[in-house]
Every structure is written in structure tokens, then in C-alpha cells.
Amino acid sequence: TLIRPAMFGSYHPVLNVSAPDRDPHPVTVGGPV
């Protein structure tokens, strides 16, 4: 879907739009590949 992080090590901001006011927690976000 978006190869830039894998290709360039690019940073893209990530936001939980369903619950933006929950307490932040350090997570690793990855896909099904």
C-alpha cells in the first residue's frame, strides 16, 4: 500500500482516528506482508 518506509526508511505520522484521546502507548505498527 505504501512502500516509502521500507524503501527509504521514511517517517510517516500515525494517528488512531477512532480514539485519538486514549492514552498514548509505544507501539510497532505493521502490515500483513
PDB file of all heavy atoms in Angstrom:
ATOM      1  N   THR A   1       0.834  -1.200   0.000  1.00  0.00           N
ATOM      2  CA  THR A   1       0.000   0.000   0.000  1.00  0.00           C
ATOM      3  C   THR A   1       0.869   1.251   0.000  1.00  0.00           C
ATOM      4  O   THR A   1       0.633   2.188  -0.774  1.00  0.00           O
ATOM      5  CB  THR A   1      -0.901   0.023   1.254  1.00  0.00           C
ATOM      6  OG1 THR A   1      -1.480  -1.253   1.464  1.00  0.00           O
ATOM      7  CG2 THR A   1      -1.981   1.080   1.136  1.00  0.00           C
ATOM      8  N   LEU A   2       1.872   1.269   0.859  1.00  0.00           N
ATOM      9  CA  LEU A   2       2.788   2.410   0.994  1.00  0.00           C
ATOM     10  C   LEU A   2       4.181   1.854   1.230  1.00  0.00           C
ATOM     11  O   LEU A   2       4.480   1.338   2.310  1.00  0.00           O
ATOM     12  CB  LEU A   2       2.366   3.305   2.161  1.00  0.00           C
ATOM     13  CG  LEU A   2       3.274   4.517   2.426  1.00  0.00           C
ATOM     14  CD1 LEU A   2       3.133   5.554   1.314  1.00  0.00           C
ATOM     15  CD2 LEU A   2       2.967   5.147   3.778  1.00  0.00           C
ATOM     16  N   ILE A   3       5.049   1.982   0.231  1.00  0.00           N
ATOM     17  CA  ILE A   3       6.371   1.374   0.312  1.00  0.00           C
ATOM     18  C   ILE A   3       7.450   2.320   0.828  1.00  0.00           C
ATOM     19  O   ILE A   3       8.572   1.905   1.123  1.00  0.00           O
ATOM     20  CB  ILE A   3       6.798   0.791  -1.058  1.00  0.00           C
ATOM     21  CG1 ILE A   3       7.895  -0.260  -0.867  1.00  0.00           C
ATOM     22  CG2 ILE A   3       7.208   1.918  -2.018  1.00  0.00           C
ATOM     23  CD1 ILE A   3       8.249  -1.021  -2.115  1.00  0.00           C
ATOM     24  N   ARG A   4       7.149   3.591   0.983  1.00  0.00           N
ATOM     25  CA  ARG A   4       8.190   4.561   1.335  1.00  0.00           C
ATOM     26  C   ARG A   4       8.938   4.212   2.622  1.00  0.00           C
ATOM     27  O   ARG A   4      10.169   4.349   2.665  1.00  0.00           O
ATOM     28  CB  ARG A   4       7.612   5.971   1.420  1.00  0.00           C
ATOM     29  CG  ARG A   4       7.111   6.503   0.076  1.00  0.00           C
ATOM     30  CD  ARG A   4       6.776   7.988   0.133  1.00  0.00           C
ATOM     31  NE  ARG A   4       7.984   8.794   0.228  1.00  0.00           N
ATOM     32  CZ  ARG A   4       8.406   9.396   1.329  1.00  0.00           C
ATOM     33  NH1 ARG A   4       7.721   9.296   2.454  1.00  0.00           N
ATOM     34  NH2 ARG A   4       9.509  10.110   1.308  1.00  0.00           N
ATOM     35  N   PRO A   5       8.264   3.788   3.709  1.00  0.00           N
ATOM     36  CA  PRO A   5       9.039   3.429   4.906  1.00  0.00           C
ATOM     37  C   PRO A   5      10.020   2.282   4.651  1.00  0.00           C
ATOM     38  O   PRO A   5      11.148   2.300   5.155  1.00  0.00           O
ATOM     39  CB  PRO A   5       7.958   3.026   5.919  1.00  0.00           C
ATOM     40  CG  PRO A   5       6.753   3.787   5.494  1.00  0.00           C
ATOM     41  CD  PRO A   5       6.811   3.767   3.982  1.00  0.00           C
ATOM     42  N   ALA A   6       9.613   1.280   3.864  1.00  0.00           N
ATOM     43  CA  ALA A   6      10.502   0.159   3.566  1.00  0.00           C
ATOM     44  C   ALA A   6      11.597   0.559   2.590  1.00  0.00           C
ATOM     45  O   ALA A   6      12.743   0.117   2.701  1.00  0.00           O
ATOM     46  CB  ALA A   6       9.697  -1.005   2.998  1.00  0.00           C
ATOM     47  N   MET A   7      11.289   1.416   1.619  1.00  0.00           N
ATOM     48  CA  MET A   7      12.244   1.778   0.568  1.00  0.00           C
ATOM     49  C   MET A   7      13.239   2.839   1.030  1.00  0.00           C
ATOM     50  O   MET A   7      14.442   2.755   0.751  1.00  0.00           O
ATOM     51  CB  MET A   7      11.486   2.295  -0.663  1.00  0.00           C
ATOM     52  CG  MET A   7      12.391   2.697  -1.813  1.00  0.00           C
ATOM     53  SD  MET A   7      11.479   3.320  -3.251  1.00  0.00           S
ATOM     54  CE  MET A   7      10.731   1.817  -3.879  1.00  0.00           C
ATOM     55  N   PHE A   8      12.754   3.846   1.735  1.00  0.00           N
ATOM     56  CA  PHE A   8      13.594   4.983   2.109  1.00  0.00           C
ATOM     57  C   PHE A   8      13.805   5.120   3.615  1.00  0.00           C
ATOM     58  O   PHE A   8      14.508   6.041   4.044  1.00  0.00           O
ATOM     59  CB  PHE A   8      12.973   6.297   1.617  1.00  0.00           C
ATOM     60  CG  PHE A   8      12.775   6.387   0.133  1.00  0.00           C
ATOM     61  CD1 PHE A   8      11.516   6.540  -0.407  1.00  0.00           C
ATOM     62  CD2 PHE A   8      13.846   6.311  -0.732  1.00  0.00           C
ATOM     63  CE1 PHE A   8      11.316   6.627  -1.778  1.00  0.00           C
ATOM     64  CE2 PHE A   8      13.677   6.400  -2.104  1.00  0.00           C
ATOM     65  CZ  PHE A   8      12.407   6.549  -2.629  1.00  0.00           C
ATOM     66  N   GLY A   9      13.166   4.257   4.414  1.00  0.00           N
ATOM     67  CA  GLY A   9      13.197   4.469   5.864  1.00  0.00           C
ATOM     68  C   GLY A   9      12.400   5.696   6.257  1.00  0.00           C
ATOM     69  O   GLY A   9      12.677   6.332   7.272  1.00  0.00           O
ATOM     70  N   SER A  10      11.405   6.048   5.457  1.00  0.00           N
ATOM     71  CA  SER A  10      10.678   7.304   5.638  1.00  0.00           C
ATOM     72  C   SER A  10       9.775   7.268   6.871  1.00  0.00           C
ATOM     73  O   SER A  10       9.174   6.241   7.195  1.00  0.00           O
ATOM     74  CB  SER A  10       9.815   7.600   4.409  1.00  0.00           C
ATOM     75  OG  SER A  10      10.607   7.665   3.257  1.00  0.00           O
ATOM     76  N   TYR A  11       9.672   8.401   7.514  1.00  0.00           N
ATOM     77  CA  TYR A  11       8.773   8.586   8.646  1.00  0.00           C
ATOM     78  C   TYR A  11       7.424   9.092   8.131  1.00  0.00           C
ATOM     79  O   TYR A  11       7.362  10.045   7.360  1.00  0.00           O
ATOM     80  CB  TYR A  11       9.360   9.617   9.612  1.00  0.00           C
ATOM     81  CG  TYR A  11       8.518   9.891  10.838  1.00  0.00           C
ATOM     82  CD1 TYR A  11       8.798   9.274  12.047  1.00  0.00           C
ATOM     83  CD2 TYR A  11       7.446  10.783  10.787  1.00  0.00           C
ATOM     84  CE1 TYR A  11       8.034   9.529  13.184  1.00  0.00           C
ATOM     85  CE2 TYR A  11       6.670  11.039  11.908  1.00  0.00           C
ATOM     86  CZ  TYR A  11       6.968  10.410  13.098  1.00  0.00           C
ATOM     87  OH  TYR A  11       6.209  10.671  14.218  1.00  0.00           O
ATOM     88  N   HIS A  12       6.358   8.425   8.557  1.00  0.00           N
ATOM     89  CA  HIS A  12       5.001   8.897   8.295  1.00  0.00           C
ATOM     90  C   HIS A  12       4.257   8.933   9.622  1.00  0.00           C
ATOM     91  O   HIS A  12       4.277   7.939  10.359  1.00  0.00           O
ATOM     92  CB  HIS A  12       4.263   7.968   7.315  1.00  0.00           C
ATOM     93  CG  HIS A  12       4.697   8.111   5.901  1.00  0.00           C
ATOM     94  ND1 HIS A  12       4.014   8.884   4.972  1.00  0.00           N
ATOM     95  CD2 HIS A  12       5.762   7.604   5.238  1.00  0.00           C
ATOM     96  CE1 HIS A  12       4.640   8.829   3.813  1.00  0.00           C
ATOM     97  NE2 HIS A  12       5.701   8.054   3.944  1.00  0.00           N
ATOM     98  N   PRO A  13       3.607  10.026   9.961  1.00  0.00           N
ATOM     99  CA  PRO A  13       2.855  10.076  11.221  1.00  0.00           C
ATOM    100  C   PRO A  13       1.714   9.070  11.219  1.00  0.00           C
ATOM    101  O   PRO A  13       1.137   8.765  10.170  1.00  0.00           O
ATOM    102  CB  PRO A  13       2.337  11.522  11.259  1.00  0.00           C
ATOM    103  CG  PRO A  13       2.333  11.971   9.833  1.00  0.00           C
ATOM    104  CD  PRO A  13       3.475  11.262   9.172  1.00  0.00           C
ATOM    105  N   VAL A  14       1.404   8.539  12.395  1.00  0.00           N
ATOM    106  CA  VAL A  14       0.333   7.569  12.566  1.00  0.00           C
ATOM    107  C   VAL A  14      -0.603   8.071  13.658  1.00  0.00           C
ATOM    108  O   VAL A  14      -0.153   8.498  14.722  1.00  0.00           O
ATOM    109  CB  VAL A  14       0.885   6.179  12.943  1.00  0.00           C
ATOM    110  CG1 VAL A  14      -0.254   5.198  13.202  1.00  0.00           C
ATOM    111  CG2 VAL A  14       1.810   5.650  11.850  1.00  0.00           C
ATOM    112  N   LEU A  15      -1.912   8.025  13.395  1.00  0.00           N
ATOM    113  CA  LEU A  15      -2.905   8.538  14.339  1.00  0.00           C
ATOM    114  C   LEU A  15      -4.057   7.550  14.463  1.00  0.00           C
ATOM    115  O   LEU A  15      -4.549   7.031  13.456  1.00  0.00           O
ATOM    116  CB  LEU A  15      -3.447   9.888  13.846  1.00  0.00           C
ATOM    117  CG  LEU A  15      -4.580  10.519  14.658  1.00  0.00           C
ATOM    118  CD1 LEU A  15      -4.043  11.059  15.977  1.00  0.00           C
ATOM    119  CD2 LEU A  15      -5.240  11.647  13.866  1.00  0.00           C
ATOM    120  N   ASN A  16      -4.473   7.277  15.683  1.00  0.00           N
ATOM    121  CA  ASN A  16      -5.659   6.466  15.914  1.00  0.00           C
ATOM    122  C   ASN A  16      -6.870   7.380  15.797  1.00  0.00           C
ATOM    123  O   ASN A  16      -7.198   8.117  16.721  1.00  0.00           O
ATOM    124  CB  ASN A  16      -5.597   5.823  17.309  1.00  0.00           C
ATOM    125  CG  ASN A  16      -6.749   4.864  17.560  1.00  0.00           C
ATOM    126  OD1 ASN A  16      -7.753   4.883  16.863  1.00  0.00           O
ATOM    127  ND2 ASN A  16      -6.600   4.027  18.580  1.00  0.00           N
ATOM    128  N   VAL A  17      -7.537   7.360  14.654  1.00  0.00           N
ATOM    129  CA  VAL A  17      -8.649   8.285  14.446  1.00  0.00           C
ATOM    130  C   VAL A  17      -9.916   7.808  15.152  1.00  0.00           C
ATOM    131  O   VAL A  17     -10.842   8.592  15.368  1.00  0.00           O
ATOM    132  CB  VAL A  17      -8.942   8.508  12.938  1.00  0.00           C
ATOM    133  CG1 VAL A  17      -7.747   9.138  12.257  1.00  0.00           C
ATOM    134  CG2 VAL A  17      -9.339   7.227  12.245  1.00  0.00           C
ATOM    135  N   SER A  18      -9.969   6.532  15.517  1.00  0.00           N
ATOM    136  CA  SER A  18     -11.149   6.032  16.234  1.00  0.00           C
ATOM    137  C   SER A  18     -11.167   6.492  17.690  1.00  0.00           C
ATOM    138  O   SER A  18     -12.242   6.689  18.262  1.00  0.00           O
ATOM    139  CB  SER A  18     -11.184   4.489  16.199  1.00  0.00           C
ATOM    140  OG  SER A  18     -11.360   4.019  14.896  1.00  0.00           O
ATOM    141  N   ALA A  19      -9.972   6.638  18.260  1.00  0.00           N
ATOM    142  CA  ALA A  19      -9.897   7.016  19.685  1.00  0.00           C
ATOM    143  C   ALA A  19      -8.664   7.862  19.931  1.00  0.00           C
ATOM    144  O   ALA A  19      -7.729   7.450  20.615  1.00  0.00           O
ATOM    145  CB  ALA A  19      -9.884   5.766  20.556  1.00  0.00           C
ATOM    146  N   PRO A  20      -8.622   9.063  19.378  1.00  0.00           N
ATOM    147  CA  PRO A  20      -7.411   9.888  19.484  1.00  0.00           C
ATOM    148  C   PRO A  20      -7.103  10.349  20.902  1.00  0.00           C
ATOM    149  O   PRO A  20      -5.970  10.757  21.187  1.00  0.00           O
ATOM    150  CB  PRO A  20      -7.722  11.085  18.574  1.00  0.00           C
ATOM    151  CG  PRO A  20      -9.212  11.152  18.524  1.00  0.00           C
ATOM    152  CD  PRO A  20      -9.679   9.735  18.591  1.00  0.00           C
ATOM    153  N   ASP A  21      -8.095  10.278  21.808  1.00  0.00           N
ATOM    154  CA  ASP A  21      -7.890  10.784  23.167  1.00  0.00           C
ATOM    155  C   ASP A  21      -7.463   9.709  24.154  1.00  0.00           C
ATOM    156  O   ASP A  21      -7.259  10.010  25.340  1.00  0.00           O
ATOM    157  CB  ASP A  21      -9.181  11.446  23.663  1.00  0.00           C
ATOM    158  CG  ASP A  21      -9.548  12.670  22.838  1.00  0.00           C
ATOM    159  OD1 ASP A  21      -8.624  13.349  22.368  1.00  0.00           O
ATOM    160  OD2 ASP A  21     -10.758  12.921  22.646  1.00  0.00           O
ATOM    161  N   ARG A  22      -7.330   8.458  23.702  1.00  0.00           N
ATOM    162  CA  ARG A  22      -6.795   7.445  24.610  1.00  0.00           C
ATOM    163  C   ARG A  22      -5.349   7.774  24.971  1.00  0.00           C
ATOM    164  O   ARG A  22      -4.644   8.465  24.239  1.00  0.00           O
ATOM    165  CB  ARG A  22      -6.840   6.065  23.946  1.00  0.00           C
ATOM    166  CG  ARG A  22      -8.205   5.430  23.889  1.00  0.00           C
ATOM    167  CD  ARG A  22      -8.077   3.954  23.498  1.00  0.00           C
ATOM    168  NE  ARG A  22      -9.343   3.470  22.951  1.00  0.00           N
ATOM    169  CZ  ARG A  22      -9.476   2.751  21.858  1.00  0.00           C
ATOM    170  NH1 ARG A  22      -8.399   2.424  21.158  1.00  0.00           N
ATOM    171  NH2 ARG A  22     -10.667   2.352  21.454  1.00  0.00           N
ATOM    172  N   ASP A  23      -4.910   7.223  26.093  1.00  0.00           N
ATOM    173  CA  ASP A  23      -3.519   7.443  26.490  1.00  0.00           C
ATOM    174  C   ASP A  23      -2.584   6.871  25.431  1.00  0.00           C
ATOM    175  O   ASP A  23      -2.802   5.758  24.936  1.00  0.00           O
ATOM    176  CB  ASP A  23      -3.243   6.768  27.832  1.00  0.00           C
ATOM    177  CG  ASP A  23      -3.948   7.461  28.992  1.00  0.00           C
ATOM    178  OD1 ASP A  23      -4.271   8.657  28.842  1.00  0.00           O
ATOM    179  OD2 ASP A  23      -4.183   6.800  30.019  1.00  0.00           O
ATOM    180  N   PRO A  24      -1.537   7.604  25.084  1.00  0.00           N
ATOM    181  CA  PRO A  24      -0.592   7.094  24.088  1.00  0.00           C
ATOM    182  C   PRO A  24       0.203   5.920  24.640  1.00  0.00           C
ATOM    183  O   PRO A  24       0.517   5.853  25.832  1.00  0.00           O
ATOM    184  CB  PRO A  24       0.311   8.296  23.799  1.00  0.00           C
ATOM    185  CG  PRO A  24       0.179   9.177  25.004  1.00  0.00           C
ATOM    186  CD  PRO A  24      -1.192   8.965  25.534  1.00  0.00           C
ATOM    187  N   HIS A  25       0.524   5.002  23.750  1.00  0.00           N
ATOM    188  CA  HIS A  25       1.268   3.801  24.119  1.00  0.00           C
ATOM    189  C   HIS A  25       2.274   3.512  23.015  1.00  0.00           C
ATOM    190  O   HIS A  25       1.938   3.605  21.832  1.00  0.00           O
ATOM    191  CB  HIS A  25       0.297   2.620  24.272  1.00  0.00           C
ATOM    192  CG  HIS A  25       0.945   1.375  24.790  1.00  0.00           C
ATOM    193  ND1 HIS A  25       1.325   1.229  26.103  1.00  0.00           N
ATOM    194  CD2 HIS A  25       1.283   0.212  24.166  1.00  0.00           C
ATOM    195  CE1 HIS A  25       1.859   0.026  26.277  1.00  0.00           C
ATOM    196  NE2 HIS A  25       1.846  -0.607  25.112  1.00  0.00           N
ATOM    197  N   PRO A  26       3.520   3.201  23.347  1.00  0.00           N
ATOM    198  CA  PRO A  26       4.503   2.914  22.296  1.00  0.00           C
ATOM    199  C   PRO A  26       4.180   1.604  21.591  1.00  0.00           C
ATOM    200  O   PRO A  26       4.111   0.542  22.220  1.00  0.00           O
ATOM    201  CB  PRO A  26       5.837   2.830  23.051  1.00  0.00           C
ATOM    202  CG  PRO A  26       5.460   2.529  24.465  1.00  0.00           C
ATOM    203  CD  PRO A  26       4.114   3.146  24.697  1.00  0.00           C
ATOM    204  N   VAL A  27       3.982   1.677  20.287  1.00  0.00           N
ATOM    205  CA  VAL A  27       3.598   0.504  19.509  1.00  0.00           C
ATOM    206  C   VAL A  27       4.418   0.428  18.233  1.00  0.00           C
ATOM    207  O   VAL A  27       4.923   1.433  17.733  1.00  0.00           O
ATOM    208  CB  VAL A  27       2.094   0.521  19.154  1.00  0.00           C
ATOM    209  CG1 VAL A  27       1.238   0.445  20.406  1.00  0.00           C
ATOM    210  CG2 VAL A  27       1.735   1.757  18.324  1.00  0.00           C
ATOM    211  N   THR A  28       4.523  -0.782  17.713  1.00  0.00           N
ATOM    212  CA  THR A  28       5.075  -1.019  16.382  1.00  0.00           C
ATOM    213  C   THR A  28       3.913  -1.364  15.471  1.00  0.00           C
ATOM    214  O   THR A  28       3.154  -2.294  15.760  1.00  0.00           O
ATOM    215  CB  THR A  28       6.097  -2.165  16.413  1.00  0.00           C
ATOM    216  OG1 THR A  28       7.241  -1.744  17.174  1.00  0.00           O
ATOM    217  CG2 THR A  28       6.549  -2.535  15.011  1.00  0.00           C
ATOM    218  N   VAL A  29       3.751  -0.596  14.406  1.00  0.00           N
ATOM    219  CA  VAL A  29       2.619  -0.754  13.506  1.00  0.00           C
ATOM    220  C   VAL A  29       3.108  -1.374  12.204  1.00  0.00           C
ATOM    221  O   VAL A  29       3.991  -0.821  11.544  1.00  0.00           O
ATOM    222  CB  VAL A  29       1.934   0.594  13.214  1.00  0.00           C
ATOM    223  CG1 VAL A  29       0.738   0.408  12.293  1.00  0.00           C
ATOM    224  CG2 VAL A  29       1.509   1.274  14.515  1.00  0.00           C
ATOM    225  N   GLY A  30       2.551  -2.544  11.866  1.00  0.00           N
ATOM    226  CA  GLY A  30       2.987  -3.240  10.662  1.00  0.00           C
ATOM    227  C   GLY A  30       1.829  -3.891   9.939  1.00  0.00           C
ATOM    228  O   GLY A  30       0.723  -4.018  10.473  1.00  0.00           O
ATOM    229  N   GLY A  31       2.100  -4.314   8.710  1.00  0.00           N
ATOM    230  CA  GLY A  31       1.063  -4.897   7.869  1.00  0.00           C
ATOM    231  C   GLY A  31       1.170  -6.400   7.749  1.00  0.00           C
ATOM    232  O   GLY A  31       1.962  -7.041   8.453  1.00  0.00           O
ATOM    233  N   PRO A  32       0.423  -6.994   6.815  1.00  0.00           N
ATOM    234  CA  PRO A  32       0.334  -8.445   6.677  1.00  0.00           C
ATOM    235  C   PRO A  32       1.333  -9.076   5.714  1.00  0.00           C
ATOM    236  O   PRO A  32       1.221 -10.269   5.412  1.00  0.00           O
ATOM    237  CB  PRO A  32      -1.101  -8.640   6.170  1.00  0.00           C
ATOM    238  CG  PRO A  32      -1.363  -7.425   5.356  1.00  0.00           C
ATOM    239  CD  PRO A  32      -0.626  -6.304   6.037  1.00  0.00           C
ATOM    240  N   VAL A  33       2.295  -8.308   5.209  1.00  0.00           N
ATOM    241  CA  VAL A  33       3.259  -8.854   4.260  1.00  0.00           C
ATOM    242  C   VAL A  33       4.377  -9.579   5.013  1.00  0.00           C
ATOM    243  O   VAL A  33       4.829  -9.133   6.063  1.00  0.00           O
ATOM    244  CB  VAL A  33       3.836  -7.736   3.367  1.00  0.00           C
ATOM    245  CG1 VAL A  33       5.072  -8.204   2.614  1.00  0.00           C
ATOM    246  CG2 VAL A  33       2.774  -7.275   2.372  1.00  0.00           C
TER     247      VAL A  33
END
